[in-house]
PDB file of N, CA and C in Angstrom:
ATOM      1  N   UNK A   1     123.411  57.756  99.444  1.00  0.00           N
ATOM      2  CA  UNK A   1     123.246  58.125  98.060  1.00  0.00           C
ATOM      3  C   UNK A   1     123.392  59.636  97.931  1.00  0.00           C
ATOM      4  N   UNK A   2     124.137  60.064  96.967  1.00  0.00           N
ATOM      5  CA  UNK A   2     124.275  61.475  96.652  1.00  0.00           C
ATOM      6  C   UNK A   2     123.892  61.664  95.200  1.00  0.00           C
ATOM      7  N   UNK A   3     123.115  62.675  94.930  1.00  0.00           N
ATOM      8  CA  UNK A   3     122.696  62.956  93.567  1.00  0.00           C
ATOM      9  C   UNK A   3     122.589  64.456  93.380  1.00  0.00           C
ATOM     10  N   UNK A   4     122.524  64.889  92.146  1.00  0.00           N
ATOM     11  CA  UNK A   4     122.370  66.302  91.826  1.00  0.00           C
ATOM     12  C   UNK A   4     120.997  66.523  91.216  1.00  0.00           C
ATOM     13  N   UNK A   5     120.302  67.556  91.695  1.00  0.00           N
ATOM     14  CA  UNK A   5     118.999  67.922  91.151  1.00  0.00           C
ATOM     15  C   UNK A   5     119.072  69.381  90.737  1.00  0.00           C
ATOM     16  N   UNK A   6     118.264  69.754  89.777  1.00  0.00           N
ATOM     17  CA  UNK A   6     118.218  71.132  89.305  1.00  0.00           C
ATOM     18  C   UNK A   6     116.890  71.752  89.707  1.00  0.00           C
ATOM     19  N   UNK A   7     116.945  72.972  90.193  1.00  0.00           N
ATOM     20  CA  UNK A   7     115.725  73.686  90.565  1.00  0.00           C
ATOM     21  C   UNK A   7     115.116  74.253  89.282  1.00  0.00           C
ATOM     22  N   UNK A   8     113.823  73.971  89.073  1.00  0.00           N
ATOM     23  CA  UNK A   8     113.111  74.440  87.884  1.00  0.00           C
ATOM     24  C   UNK A   8     112.674  75.890  88.062  1.00  0.00           C
ATOM     25  N   UNK A   9     112.052  76.468  87.031  1.00  0.00           N
ATOM     26  CA  UNK A   9     111.629  77.872  87.045  1.00  0.00           C
ATOM     27  C   UNK A   9     110.693  78.184  88.200  1.00  0.00           C
ATOM     28  N   UNK A  10     109.817  77.248  88.573  1.00  0.00           N
ATOM     29  CA  UNK A  10     108.869  77.475  89.669  1.00  0.00           C
ATOM     30  C   UNK A  10     109.427  76.992  91.008  1.00  0.00           C
ATOM     31  N   UNK A  11     110.752  76.906  91.130  1.00  0.00           N
ATOM     32  CA  UNK A  11     111.443  76.448  92.339  1.00  0.00           C
ATOM     33  C   UNK A  11     111.090  75.005  92.689  1.00  0.00           C
ATOM     34  N   UNK A  12     110.837  74.183  91.701  1.00  0.00           N
ATOM     35  CA  UNK A  12     110.510  72.780  91.909  1.00  0.00           C
ATOM     36  C   UNK A  12     111.724  71.915  91.587  1.00  0.00           C
ATOM     37  N   UNK A  13     111.809  70.772  92.259  1.00  0.00           N
ATOM     38  CA  UNK A  13     112.847  69.784  91.955  1.00  0.00           C
ATOM     39  C   UNK A  13     112.173  68.429  91.748  1.00  0.00           C
ATOM     40  N   UNK A  14     112.832  67.561  91.015  1.00  0.00           N
ATOM     41  CA  UNK A  14     112.329  66.210  90.800  1.00  0.00           C
ATOM     42  C   UNK A  14     113.217  65.262  91.597  1.00  0.00           C
ATOM     43  N   UNK A  15     112.608  64.477  92.481  1.00  0.00           N
ATOM     44  CA  UNK A  15     113.360  63.507  93.279  1.00  0.00           C
ATOM     45  C   UNK A  15     113.625  62.265  92.427  1.00  0.00           C
ATOM     46  N   UNK A  16     114.799  61.670  92.561  1.00  0.00           N
ATOM     47  CA  UNK A  16     115.099  60.461  91.793  1.00  0.00           C
ATOM     48  C   UNK A  16     114.120  59.331  92.134  1.00  0.00           C
ATOM     49  N   UNK A  17     113.712  58.588  91.102  1.00  0.00           N
ATOM     50  CA  UNK A  17     112.745  57.511  91.259  1.00  0.00           C
ATOM     51  C   UNK A  17     113.206  56.477  92.282  1.00  0.00           C
ATOM     52  N   UNK A  18     114.476  56.071  92.208  1.00  0.00           N
ATOM     53  CA  UNK A  18     114.996  55.045  93.122  1.00  0.00           C
ATOM     54  C   UNK A  18     114.897  55.512  94.578  1.00  0.00           C
ATOM     55  N   UNK A  19     115.191  56.783  94.823  1.00  0.00           N
ATOM     56  CA  UNK A  19     115.097  57.339  96.175  1.00  0.00           C
ATOM     57  C   UNK A  19     113.653  57.298  96.662  1.00  0.00           C
ATOM     58  N   UNK A  20     112.728  57.722  95.798  1.00  0.00           N
ATOM     59  CA  UNK A  20     111.309  57.725  96.173  1.00  0.00           C
ATOM     60  C   UNK A  20     110.826  56.316  96.487  1.00  0.00           C
ATOM     61  N   UNK A  21     111.272  55.345  95.720  1.00  0.00           N
ATOM     62  CA  UNK A  21     110.855  53.964  95.970  1.00  0.00           C
ATOM     63  C   UNK A  21     111.402  53.464  97.296  1.00  0.00           C
ATOM     64  N   UNK A  22     112.682  53.750  97.583  1.00  0.00           N
ATOM     65  CA  UNK A  22     113.272  53.304  98.843  1.00  0.00           C
ATOM     66  C   UNK A  22     112.606  53.955 100.053  1.00  0.00           C
ATOM     67  N   UNK A  23     112.297  55.238  99.933  1.00  0.00           N
ATOM     68  CA  UNK A  23     111.735  55.992 101.064  1.00  0.00           C
ATOM     69  C   UNK A  23     110.213  56.031 101.047  1.00  0.00           C
ATOM     70  N   UNK A  24     109.602  55.317 100.090  1.00  0.00           N
ATOM     71  CA  UNK A  24     108.138  55.230  99.972  1.00  0.00           C
ATOM     72  C   UNK A  24     107.507  56.624  99.848  1.00  0.00           C
ATOM     73  N   UNK A  25     108.124  57.450  99.015  1.00  0.00           N
ATOM     74  CA  UNK A  25     107.590  58.781  98.730  1.00  0.00           C
ATOM     75  C   UNK A  25     106.807  58.678  97.432  1.00  0.00           C
ATOM     76  N   UNK A  26     105.542  59.065  97.494  1.00  0.00           N
ATOM     77  CA  UNK A  26     104.706  59.032  96.292  1.00  0.00           C
ATOM     78  C   UNK A  26     103.949  60.349  96.182  1.00  0.00           C
ATOM     79  N   UNK A  27     103.207  60.493  95.128  1.00  0.00           N
ATOM     80  CA  UNK A  27     102.446  61.722  94.915  1.00  0.00           C
ATOM     81  C   UNK A  27     101.581  62.006  96.142  1.00  0.00           C
ATOM     82  N   UNK A  28     101.646  63.235  96.610  1.00  0.00           N
ATOM     83  CA  UNK A  28     100.850  63.627  97.771  1.00  0.00           C
ATOM     84  C   UNK A  28     101.574  63.480  99.100  1.00  0.00           C
ATOM     85  N   UNK A  29     102.755  62.850  99.116  1.00  0.00           N
ATOM     86  CA  UNK A  29     103.509  62.700 100.363  1.00  0.00           C
ATOM     87  C   UNK A  29     103.995  64.073 100.823  1.00  0.00           C
ATOM     88  N   UNK A  30     103.756  64.398 102.080  1.00  0.00           N
ATOM     89  CA  UNK A  30     104.234  65.665 102.643  1.00  0.00           C
ATOM     90  C   UNK A  30     105.711  65.508 103.003  1.00  0.00           C
ATOM     91  N   UNK A  31     106.496  66.529 102.693  1.00  0.00           N
ATOM     92  CA  UNK A  31     107.927  66.533 103.010  1.00  0.00           C
ATOM     93  C   UNK A  31     108.227  67.716 103.910  1.00  0.00           C
ATOM     94  N   UNK A  32     109.053  67.476 104.925  1.00  0.00           N
ATOM     95  CA  UNK A  32     109.498  68.555 105.817  1.00  0.00           C
ATOM     96  C   UNK A  32     110.877  68.995 105.336  1.00  0.00           C
ATOM     97  N   UNK A  33     111.068  70.300 105.149  1.00  0.00           N
ATOM     98  CA  UNK A  33     112.348  70.847 104.714  1.00  0.00           C
ATOM     99  C   UNK A  33     112.910  71.665 105.868  1.00  0.00           C
ATOM    100  N   UNK A  34     114.117  71.286 106.317  1.00  0.00           N
ATOM    101  CA  UNK A  34     114.744  71.940 107.461  1.00  0.00           C
ATOM    102  C   UNK A  34     116.097  72.494 107.041  1.00  0.00           C
ATOM    103  N   UNK A  35     116.358  73.754 107.395  1.00  0.00           N
ATOM    104  CA  UNK A  35     117.673  74.331 107.130  1.00  0.00           C
ATOM    105  C   UNK A  35     118.668  73.750 108.124  1.00  0.00           C
ATOM    106  N   UNK A  36     119.799  73.280 107.607  1.00  0.00           N
ATOM    107  CA  UNK A  36     120.858  72.730 108.449  1.00  0.00           C
ATOM    108  C   UNK A  36     122.173  73.344 107.985  1.00  0.00           C
ATOM    109  N   UNK A  37     122.689  74.267 108.773  1.00  0.00           N
ATOM    110  CA  UNK A  37     123.925  74.941 108.377  1.00  0.00           C
ATOM    111  C   UNK A  37     123.750  75.610 107.031  1.00  0.00           C
ATOM    112  N   UNK A  38     124.600  75.235 106.062  1.00  0.00           N
ATOM    113  CA  UNK A  38     124.522  75.794 104.716  1.00  0.00           C
ATOM    114  C   UNK A  38     123.664  74.934 103.791  1.00  0.00           C
ATOM    115  N   UNK A  39     123.053  73.893 104.312  1.00  0.00           N
ATOM    116  CA  UNK A  39     122.285  72.986 103.472  1.00  0.00           C
ATOM    117  C   UNK A  39     120.851  72.841 103.937  1.00  0.00           C
ATOM    118  N   UNK A  40     120.187  71.861 103.358  1.00  0.00           N
ATOM    119  CA  UNK A  40     118.812  71.556 103.743  1.00  0.00           C
ATOM    120  C   UNK A  40     118.683  70.056 103.981  1.00  0.00           C
ATOM    121  N   UNK A  41     117.742  69.699 104.815  1.00  0.00           N
ATOM    122  CA  UNK A  41     117.459  68.313 105.183  1.00  0.00           C
ATOM    123  C   UNK A  41     115.998  68.073 104.846  1.00  0.00           C
ATOM    124  N   UNK A  42     115.721  67.098 103.992  1.00  0.00           N
ATOM    125  CA  UNK A  42     114.354  66.820 103.564  1.00  0.00           C
ATOM    126  C   UNK A  42     113.940  65.461 104.111  1.00  0.00           C
ATOM    127  N   UNK A  43     112.814  65.426 104.834  1.00  0.00           N
ATOM    128  CA  UNK A  43     112.314  64.170 105.387  1.00  0.00           C
ATOM    129  C   UNK A  43     110.834  64.023 105.077  1.00  0.00           C
ATOM    130  N   UNK A  44     110.415  62.805 104.716  1.00  0.00           N
ATOM    131  CA  UNK A  44     108.983  62.588 104.513  1.00  0.00           C
ATOM    132  C   UNK A  44     108.265  62.617 105.853  1.00  0.00           C
ATOM    133  N   UNK A  45     107.059  63.157 105.862  1.00  0.00           N
ATOM    134  CA  UNK A  45     106.238  63.183 107.064  1.00  0.00           C
ATOM    135  C   UNK A  45     105.266  62.018 106.950  1.00  0.00           C
ATOM    136  N   UNK A  46     105.369  61.039 107.848  1.00  0.00           N
ATOM    137  CA  UNK A  46     104.479  59.882 107.729  1.00  0.00           C
ATOM    138  C   UNK A  46     103.022  60.275 107.933  1.00  0.00           C
ATOM    139  N   UNK A  47     102.154  59.616 107.170  1.00  0.00           N
ATOM    140  CA  UNK A  47     100.726  59.866 107.318  1.00  0.00           C
ATOM    141  C   UNK A  47     100.261  59.270 108.640  1.00  0.00           C
ATOM    142  N   UNK A  48      99.310  59.917 109.307  1.00  0.00           N
ATOM    143  CA  UNK A  48      98.804  59.345 110.562  1.00  0.00           C
ATOM    144  C   UNK A  48      98.072  58.033 110.293  1.00  0.00           C
ATOM    145  N   UNK A  49      98.194  57.126 111.236  1.00  0.00           N
ATOM    146  CA  UNK A  49      97.491  55.842 111.113  1.00  0.00           C
ATOM    147  C   UNK A  49      96.026  56.032 111.487  1.00  0.00           C
ATOM    148  N   UNK A  50      95.220  55.015 111.228  1.00  0.00           N
ATOM    149  CA  UNK A  50      93.809  55.082 111.606  1.00  0.00           C
ATOM    150  C   UNK A  50      93.660  55.264 113.110  1.00  0.00           C
ATOM    151  N   UNK A  51      94.527  54.617 113.901  1.00  0.00           N
ATOM    152  CA  UNK A  51      94.450  54.731 115.354  1.00  0.00           C
ATOM    153  C   UNK A  51      94.776  56.159 115.808  1.00  0.00           C
ATOM    154  N   UNK A  52      95.781  56.775 115.152  1.00  0.00           N
ATOM    155  CA  UNK A  52      96.136  58.147 115.504  1.00  0.00           C
ATOM    156  C   UNK A  52      94.992  59.104 115.175  1.00  0.00           C
ATOM    157  N   UNK A  53      94.380  58.914 114.017  1.00  0.00           N
ATOM    158  CA  UNK A  53      93.247  59.764 113.653  1.00  0.00           C
ATOM    159  C   UNK A  53      92.074  59.548 114.610  1.00  0.00           C
ATOM    160  N   UNK A  54      91.848  58.302 115.000  1.00  0.00           N
ATOM    161  CA  UNK A  54      90.759  58.009 115.942  1.00  0.00           C
ATOM    162  C   UNK A  54      90.999  58.737 117.268  1.00  0.00           C
ATOM    163  N   UNK A  55      92.274  58.784 117.718  1.00  0.00           N
ATOM    164  CA  UNK A  55      92.596  59.492 118.969  1.00  0.00           C
ATOM    165  C   UNK A  55      92.285  60.975 118.840  1.00  0.00           C
ATOM    166  N   UNK A  56      92.575  61.554 117.676  1.00  0.00           N
ATOM    167  CA  UNK A  56      92.277  62.964 117.446  1.00  0.00           C
ATOM    168  C   UNK A  56      90.769  63.189 117.443  1.00  0.00           C
ATOM    169  N   UNK A  57      90.028  62.305 116.780  1.00  0.00           N
ATOM    170  CA  UNK A  57      88.574  62.451 116.725  1.00  0.00           C
ATOM    171  C   UNK A  57      87.954  62.307 118.115  1.00  0.00           C
ATOM    172  N   UNK A  58      88.556  61.477 118.971  1.00  0.00           N
ATOM    173  CA  UNK A  58      88.048  61.358 120.345  1.00  0.00           C
ATOM    174  C   UNK A  58      88.174  62.698 121.067  1.00  0.00           C
ATOM    175  N   UNK A  59      89.270  63.435 120.816  1.00  0.00           N
ATOM    176  CA  UNK A  59      89.436  64.766 121.414  1.00  0.00           C
ATOM    177  C   UNK A  59      88.342  65.709 120.930  1.00  0.00           C
ATOM    178  N   UNK A  60      88.052  65.653 119.634  1.00  0.00           N
ATOM    179  CA  UNK A  60      87.015  66.520 119.075  1.00  0.00           C
ATOM    180  C   UNK A  60      85.669  66.161 119.695  1.00  0.00           C
ATOM    181  N   UNK A  61      85.364  64.852 119.751  1.00  0.00           N
ATOM    182  CA  UNK A  61      84.096  64.408 120.321  1.00  0.00           C
ATOM    183  C   UNK A  61      83.964  64.795 121.793  1.00  0.00           C
ATOM    184  N   UNK A  62      85.083  64.860 122.495  1.00  0.00           N
ATOM    185  CA  UNK A  62      85.064  65.210 123.920  1.00  0.00           C
ATOM    186  C   UNK A  62      84.968  66.723 124.126  1.00  0.00           C
ATOM    187  N   UNK A  63      84.923  67.467 123.008  1.00  0.00           N
ATOM    188  CA  UNK A  63      84.820  68.923 123.117  1.00  0.00           C
ATOM    189  C   UNK A  63      86.124  69.603 123.437  1.00  0.00           C
ATOM    190  N   UNK A  64      87.238  68.895 123.281  1.00  0.00           N
ATOM    191  CA  UNK A  64      88.544  69.470 123.589  1.00  0.00           C
ATOM    192  C   UNK A  64      89.174  70.145 122.376  1.00  0.00           C
ATOM    193  N   UNK A  65      88.520  70.071 121.210  1.00  0.00           N
ATOM    194  CA  UNK A  65      89.042  70.735 120.018  1.00  0.00           C
ATOM    195  C   UNK A  65      87.880  71.451 119.329  1.00  0.00           C
ATOM    196  N   UNK A  66      88.070  72.699 118.938  1.00  0.00           N
ATOM    197  CA  UNK A  66      86.990  73.439 118.286  1.00  0.00           C
ATOM    198  C   UNK A  66      86.749  72.930 116.857  1.00  0.00           C
ATOM    199  N   UNK A  67      85.649  73.340 116.272  1.00  0.00           N
ATOM    200  CA  UNK A  67      85.341  72.901 114.914  1.00  0.00           C
ATOM    201  C   UNK A  67      86.278  73.522 113.890  1.00  0.00           C
ATOM    202  N   UNK A  68      86.736  74.747 114.106  1.00  0.00           N
ATOM    203  CA  UNK A  68      87.695  75.391 113.208  1.00  0.00           C
ATOM    204  C   UNK A  68      89.038  75.449 113.926  1.00  0.00           C
ATOM    205  N   UNK A  69      89.964  74.526 113.619  1.00  0.00           N
ATOM    206  CA  UNK A  69      91.213  74.469 114.380  1.00  0.00           C
ATOM    207  C   UNK A  69      92.087  75.706 114.186  1.00  0.00           C
ATOM    208  N   UNK A  70      92.652  76.158 115.275  1.00  0.00           N
ATOM    209  CA  UNK A  70      93.613  77.253 115.253  1.00  0.00           C
ATOM    210  C   UNK A  70      95.005  76.648 115.190  1.00  0.00           C
ATOM    211  N   UNK A  71      96.028  77.474 115.104  1.00  0.00           N
ATOM    212  CA  UNK A  71      97.394  76.946 115.086  1.00  0.00           C
ATOM    213  C   UNK A  71      97.708  76.235 116.402  1.00  0.00           C
ATOM    214  N   UNK A  72      97.144  76.719 117.512  1.00  0.00           N
ATOM    215  CA  UNK A  72      97.341  76.053 118.805  1.00  0.00           C
ATOM    216  C   UNK A  72      96.682  74.672 118.796  1.00  0.00           C
ATOM    217  N   UNK A  73      95.504  74.582 118.172  1.00  0.00           N
ATOM    218  CA  UNK A  73      94.821  73.286 118.071  1.00  0.00           C
ATOM    219  C   UNK A  73      95.623  72.315 117.209  1.00  0.00           C
ATOM    220  N   UNK A  74      96.171  72.820 116.109  1.00  0.00           N
ATOM    221  CA  UNK A  74      96.984  71.959 115.243  1.00  0.00           C
ATOM    222  C   UNK A  74      98.210  71.457 115.998  1.00  0.00           C
ATOM    223  N   UNK A  75      98.791  72.324 116.830  1.00  0.00           N
ATOM    224  CA  UNK A  75      99.935  71.923 117.646  1.00  0.00           C
ATOM    225  C   UNK A  75      99.520  70.840 118.639  1.00  0.00           C
ATOM    226  N   UNK A  76      98.335  70.999 119.255  1.00  0.00           N
ATOM    227  CA  UNK A  76      97.832  70.005 120.205  1.00  0.00           C
ATOM    228  C   UNK A  76      97.623  68.660 119.498  1.00  0.00           C
ATOM    229  N   UNK A  77      97.053  68.696 118.296  1.00  0.00           N
ATOM    230  CA  UNK A  77      96.827  67.466 117.540  1.00  0.00           C
ATOM    231  C   UNK A  77      98.157  66.800 117.235  1.00  0.00           C
ATOM    232  N   UNK A  78      99.139  67.600 116.825  1.00  0.00           N
ATOM    233  CA  UNK A  78     100.472  67.055 116.557  1.00  0.00           C
ATOM    234  C   UNK A  78     101.079  66.405 117.785  1.00  0.00           C
ATOM    235  N   UNK A  79     100.914  67.057 118.939  1.00  0.00           N
ATOM    236  CA  UNK A  79     101.443  66.503 120.186  1.00  0.00           C
ATOM    237  C   UNK A  79     100.733  65.203 120.563  1.00  0.00           C
ATOM    238  N   UNK A  80      99.420  65.144 120.343  1.00  0.00           N
ATOM    239  CA  UNK A  80      98.671  63.909 120.622  1.00  0.00           C
ATOM    240  C   UNK A  80      99.170  62.766 119.748  1.00  0.00           C
ATOM    241  N   UNK A  81      99.432  63.072 118.480  1.00  0.00           N
ATOM    242  CA  UNK A  81      99.939  62.035 117.572  1.00  0.00           C
ATOM    243  C   UNK A  81     101.318  61.573 118.028  1.00  0.00           C
ATOM    244  N   UNK A  82     102.190  62.520 118.432  1.00  0.00           N
ATOM    245  CA  UNK A  82     103.522  62.149 118.929  1.00  0.00           C
ATOM    246  C   UNK A  82     103.413  61.274 120.179  1.00  0.00           C
ATOM    247  N   UNK A  83     102.515  61.647 121.098  1.00  0.00           N
ATOM    248  CA  UNK A  83     102.318  60.875 122.323  1.00  0.00           C
ATOM    249  C   UNK A  83     101.840  59.468 121.993  1.00  0.00           C
ATOM    250  N   UNK A  84     100.900  59.369 121.075  1.00  0.00           N
ATOM    251  CA  UNK A  84     100.378  58.057 120.675  1.00  0.00           C
ATOM    252  C   UNK A  84     101.493  57.201 120.077  1.00  0.00           C
ATOM    253  N   UNK A  85     102.292  57.789 119.180  1.00  0.00           N
ATOM    254  CA  UNK A  85     103.385  57.033 118.544  1.00  0.00           C
ATOM    255  C   UNK A  85     104.414  56.587 119.567  1.00  0.00           C
ATOM    256  N   UNK A  86     104.740  57.463 120.521  1.00  0.00           N
ATOM    257  CA  UNK A  86     105.722  57.105 121.552  1.00  0.00           C
ATOM    258  C   UNK A  86     105.204  55.946 122.396  1.00  0.00           C
ATOM    259  N   UNK A  87     103.930  55.987 122.760  1.00  0.00           N
ATOM    260  CA  UNK A  87     103.341  54.901 123.548  1.00  0.00           C
ATOM    261  C   UNK A  87     103.345  53.600 122.756  1.00  0.00           C
ATOM    262  N   UNK A  88     103.055  53.690 121.482  1.00  0.00           N
ATOM    263  CA  UNK A  88     103.040  52.497 120.634  1.00  0.00           C
ATOM    264  C   UNK A  88     104.448  51.898 120.515  1.00  0.00           C
ATOM    265  N   UNK A  89     105.476  52.778 120.399  1.00  0.00           N
ATOM    266  CA  UNK A  89     106.863  52.282 120.329  1.00  0.00           C
ATOM    267  C   UNK A  89     107.248  51.574 121.626  1.00  0.00           C
ATOM    268  N   UNK A  90     106.810  52.123 122.773  1.00  0.00           N
ATOM    269  CA  UNK A  90     107.125  51.485 124.052  1.00  0.00           C
ATOM    270  C   UNK A  90     106.514  50.109 124.128  1.00  0.00           C
ATOM    271  N   UNK A  91     105.316  49.937 123.580  1.00  0.00           N
ATOM    272  CA  UNK A  91     104.640  48.623 123.615  1.00  0.00           C
ATOM    273  C   UNK A  91     105.372  47.599 122.763  1.00  0.00           C
ATOM    274  N   UNK A  92     106.031  48.044 121.693  1.00  0.00           N
ATOM    275  CA  UNK A  92     106.745  47.122 120.806  1.00  0.00           C
ATOM    276  C   UNK A  92     108.007  46.574 121.443  1.00  0.00           C
ATOM    277  N   UNK A  93     108.580  47.310 122.396  1.00  0.00           N
ATOM    278  CA  UNK A  93     109.864  46.885 123.013  1.00  0.00           C
ATOM    279  C   UNK A  93     109.680  45.756 123.975  1.00  0.00           C
TER     280      UNK A  93
END
């Protein structure tokens, strides 16, 4: 699908309804914007599942994450979520 959008005064754009429905993008969905050559690539960031959040909380409970996360801690949490998702994908195969 190709469509044209206009950037508003506050640098906002409105995504087409049909696209949002197909990609399950709703209010509050986080989107990642990546520069690609002369263009941009927009992808929705899936919300963590309850199991992924539980894995993160286990790290906190084990004292492996401080109460006020730093950027390094956020990176560690992201890596834990990626590891969990990869393991889950392997189990599905």
